[in-house]
C-alpha atoms as a PDB file:
ATOM      1  CA  MET A   1       0.535  -0.209  -0.178  1.00  0.00           C
ATOM      2  CA  ASP A   2       1.715   3.457  -1.126  1.00  0.00           C
ATOM      3  CA  ARG A   3       0.984   6.709   0.681  1.00  0.00           C
ATOM      4  CA  ILE A   4      -2.053   7.601  -1.030  1.00  0.00           C
ATOM      5  CA  GLU A   5      -3.756   5.009   0.334  1.00  0.00           C
ATOM      6  CA  GLU A   6      -3.165   4.559   3.638  1.00  0.00           C
ATOM      7  CA  ALA A   7      -3.642   8.061   3.663  1.00  0.00           C
ATOM      8  CA  LEU A   8      -7.099   7.658   2.822  1.00  0.00           C
ATOM      9  CA  TYR A   9      -7.551   4.600   4.619  1.00  0.00           C
ATOM     10  CA  HIS A  10      -7.394   7.299   7.698  1.00  0.00           C
ATOM     11  CA  LEU A  11     -10.501   9.450   5.916  1.00  0.00           C
ATOM     12  CA  THR A  12     -13.954  10.387   8.512  1.00  0.00           C
ATOM     13  CA  HIS A  13     -16.886   8.719   6.042  1.00  0.00           C
ATOM     14  CA  SER A  14     -17.546  12.351   5.550  1.00  0.00           C
ATOM     15  CA  GLN A  15     -14.124  13.239   4.120  1.00  0.00           C
ATOM     16  CA  LEU A  16     -15.000   9.693   1.866  1.00  0.00           C
ATOM     17  CA  ARG A  17     -18.031  10.988   0.599  1.00  0.00           C
ATOM     18  CA  ALA A  18     -16.614  13.934  -0.624  1.00  0.00           C
ATOM     19  CA  LEU A  19     -13.571  12.932  -2.419  1.00  0.00           C
ATOM     20  CA  PHE A  20     -15.759  10.248  -4.006  1.00  0.00           C
ATOM     21  CA  ALA A  21     -18.036  12.701  -5.457  1.00  0.00           C
ATOM     22  CA  LEU A  22     -14.864  14.523  -6.479  1.00  0.00           C
ATOM     23  CA  ALA A  23     -14.087  11.573  -8.459  1.00  0.00           C
ATOM     24  CA  LYS A  24     -17.181  11.061  -9.753  1.00  0.00           C
ATOM     25  CA  THR A  25     -17.007  14.707 -11.241  1.00  0.00           C
ATOM     26  CA  LYS A  26     -16.449  14.752 -15.313  1.00  0.00           C
ATOM     27  CA  ASN A  27     -12.813  17.199 -14.677  1.00  0.00           C
ATOM     28  CA  GLY A  28     -12.377  16.266 -11.197  1.00  0.00           C
ATOM     29  CA  LEU A  29     -13.918  19.817 -10.131  1.00  0.00           C
ATOM     30  CA  ILE A  30     -16.648  20.069  -7.806  1.00  0.00           C
ATOM     31  CA  SER A  31     -18.135  23.125  -6.443  1.00  0.00           C
ATOM     32  CA  SER A  32     -20.189  23.367  -2.252  1.00  0.00           C
ATOM     33  CA  ALA A  33     -23.453  24.206  -3.607  1.00  0.00           C
ATOM     34  CA  ASN A  34     -23.811  20.607  -5.982  1.00  0.00           C
ATOM     35  CA  SER A  35     -21.928  18.373  -4.151  1.00  0.00           C
ATOM     36  CA  LYS A  36     -24.615  18.839  -0.457  1.00  0.00           C
ATOM     37  CA  LYS A  37     -26.714  16.118  -1.411  1.00  0.00           C
ATOM     38  CA  SER A  38     -24.171  13.113  -2.205  1.00  0.00           C
ATOM     39  CA  ILE A  39     -22.386  14.238   1.280  1.00  0.00           C
ATOM     40  CA  GLY A  40     -25.369  14.517   3.045  1.00  0.00           C
ATOM     41  CA  LYS A  41     -23.818  18.163   4.789  1.00  0.00           C
ATOM     42  CA  LYS A  42     -24.158  21.119   3.680  1.00  0.00           C
ATOM     43  CA  GLY A  43     -22.792  24.530   4.849  1.00  0.00           C
ATOM     44  CA  LYS A  44     -19.832  25.699   6.662  1.00  0.00           C
ATOM     45  CA  ALA A  45     -19.846  21.730   7.551  1.00  0.00           C
ATOM     46  CA  LEU A  46     -19.305  20.727   3.332  1.00  0.00           C
ATOM     47  CA  GLY A  47     -16.598  23.942   3.840  1.00  0.00           C
ATOM     48  CA  GLY A  48     -14.292  22.362   6.415  1.00  0.00           C
ATOM     49  CA  ILE A  49     -15.028  18.886   5.345  1.00  0.00           C
ATOM     50  CA  PHE A  50     -13.247  20.399   1.822  1.00  0.00           C
ATOM     51  CA  SER A  51     -10.927  22.187   3.879  1.00  0.00           C
ATOM     52  CA  SER A  52      -9.846  19.949   6.211  1.00  0.00           C
ATOM     53  CA  LEU A  53      -9.019  17.422   2.995  1.00  0.00           C
ATOM     54  CA  VAL A  54      -7.213  20.727   1.181  1.00  0.00           C
ATOM     55  CA  ARG A  55      -5.402  20.401   4.709  1.00  0.00           C
ATOM     56  CA  ARG A  56      -4.827  17.418   4.470  1.00  0.00           C
ATOM     57  CA  LYS A  57      -1.083  16.771   2.851  1.00  0.00           C
ATOM     58  CA  ILE A  58       0.775  13.846   0.781  1.00  0.00           C
ATOM     59  CA  ASN A  59       4.688  13.917   0.297  1.00  0.00           C
ATOM     60  CA  GLY A  60       4.125  18.039   0.300  1.00  0.00           C
ATOM     61  CA  GLU A  61       1.219  18.196  -1.880  1.00  0.00           C
ATOM     62  CA  SER A  62      -2.991  18.805  -0.606  1.00  0.00           C
ATOM     63  CA  LEU A  63      -5.375  16.074  -1.686  1.00  0.00           C
ATOM     64  CA  VAL A  64      -7.524  18.535  -2.732  1.00  0.00           C
ATOM     65  CA  LEU A  65      -7.033  22.097  -3.848  1.00  0.00           C
ATOM     66  CA  PRO A  66      -9.640  25.475  -3.817  1.00  0.00           C
ATOM     67  CA  TRP A  67     -10.622  25.673  -7.030  1.00  0.00           C
ATOM     68  CA  GLY A  68     -11.919  29.302  -7.220  1.00  0.00           C
ATOM     69  CA  LYS A  69     -15.816  30.719  -6.293  1.00  0.00           C
ATOM     70  CA  SER A  70     -18.549  28.377  -7.825  1.00  0.00           C
ATOM     71  CA  GLU A  71     -20.844  29.380 -10.584  1.00  0.00           C
ATOM     72  CA  ASP A  72     -23.728  30.613  -8.590  1.00  0.00           C
ATOM     73  CA  GLY A  73     -21.374  32.796  -6.389  1.00  0.00           C
ATOM     74  CA  ARG A  74     -22.167  30.901  -3.316  1.00  0.00           C
ATOM     75  CA  GLY A  75     -19.309  28.532  -2.169  1.00  0.00           C
ATOM     76  CA  LEU A  76     -16.412  27.384  -3.468  1.00  0.00           C
ATOM     77  CA  ARG A  77     -14.837  24.855  -6.273  1.00  0.00           C
ATOM     78  CA  TRP A  78     -12.363  21.962  -5.492  1.00  0.00           C
ATOM     79  CA  LYS A  79      -9.775  20.801  -7.954  1.00  0.00           C
ATOM     80  CA  LEU A  80      -8.595  17.294  -7.805  1.00  0.00           C
ATOM     81  CA  ASN A  81      -4.862  17.064  -7.145  1.00  0.00           C
ATOM     82  CA  GLU A  82      -3.821  14.513  -9.784  1.00  0.00           C
ATOM     83  CA  LYS A  83      -0.437  14.830  -9.227  1.00  0.00           C
ATOM     84  CA  LEU A  84      -1.215  12.525  -6.019  1.00  0.00           C
ATOM     85  CA  ILE A  85      -3.612  10.325  -7.360  1.00  0.00           C
ATOM     86  CA  THR A  86      -6.202   9.924 -10.522  1.00  0.00           C
ATOM     87  CA  LYS A  87      -9.706  10.125 -10.404  1.00  0.00           C
ATOM     88  CA  THR A  88     -10.177   6.271 -11.276  1.00  0.00           C
ATOM     89  CA  LYS A  89      -7.477   5.624  -8.780  1.00  0.00           C
ATOM     90  CA  LEU A  90      -9.254   7.575  -6.256  1.00  0.00           C
ATOM     91  CA  LEU A  91     -12.870   6.532  -7.202  1.00  0.00           C
ATOM     92  CA  GLN A  92     -12.065   2.987  -7.206  1.00  0.00           C
ATOM     93  CA  ILE A  93     -10.173   3.320  -3.385  1.00  0.00           C
ATOM     94  CA  THR A  94     -13.016   5.271  -2.257  1.00  0.00           C
ATOM     95  CA  GLY A  95     -16.010   2.851  -3.553  1.00  0.00           C
ATOM     96  CA  GLU A  96     -14.665   0.100  -2.165  1.00  0.00           C
ATOM     97  CA  LEU A  97     -13.789   1.886   1.710  1.00  0.00           C
ATOM     98  CA  LEU A  98     -17.245   3.184   1.920  1.00  0.00           C
ATOM     99  CA  SER A  99     -19.056  -0.436   0.590  1.00  0.00           C
ATOM    100  CA  TRP A 100     -16.931  -1.865   3.867  1.00  0.00           C
ATOM    101  CA  GLU A 101     -19.059   0.742   5.888  1.00  0.00           C
ATOM    102  CA  ASP A 102     -21.933   0.073   4.804  1.00  0.00           C
END
């Protein structure tokens, strides 16, 4: 198991759901507004999940990057740092981890 996989195994259920939703997007970019249903959080709690993923450093890189304001001007957009992990690999790992928790 590499460092990125090991780090993913230590995330909370909400963080895994956020990464799973991010990995399912077409371009690896998600906004707070369009992710609240799939993650089950809203408002500051949702922002807290994504900001905690920004603070999560692996090999000196953030797992998720802030990517400007959302389309509607409320909240931020977040982008997967594909230097660390591809969307395909992230989708596979988070899907497995979330299925174990159900």
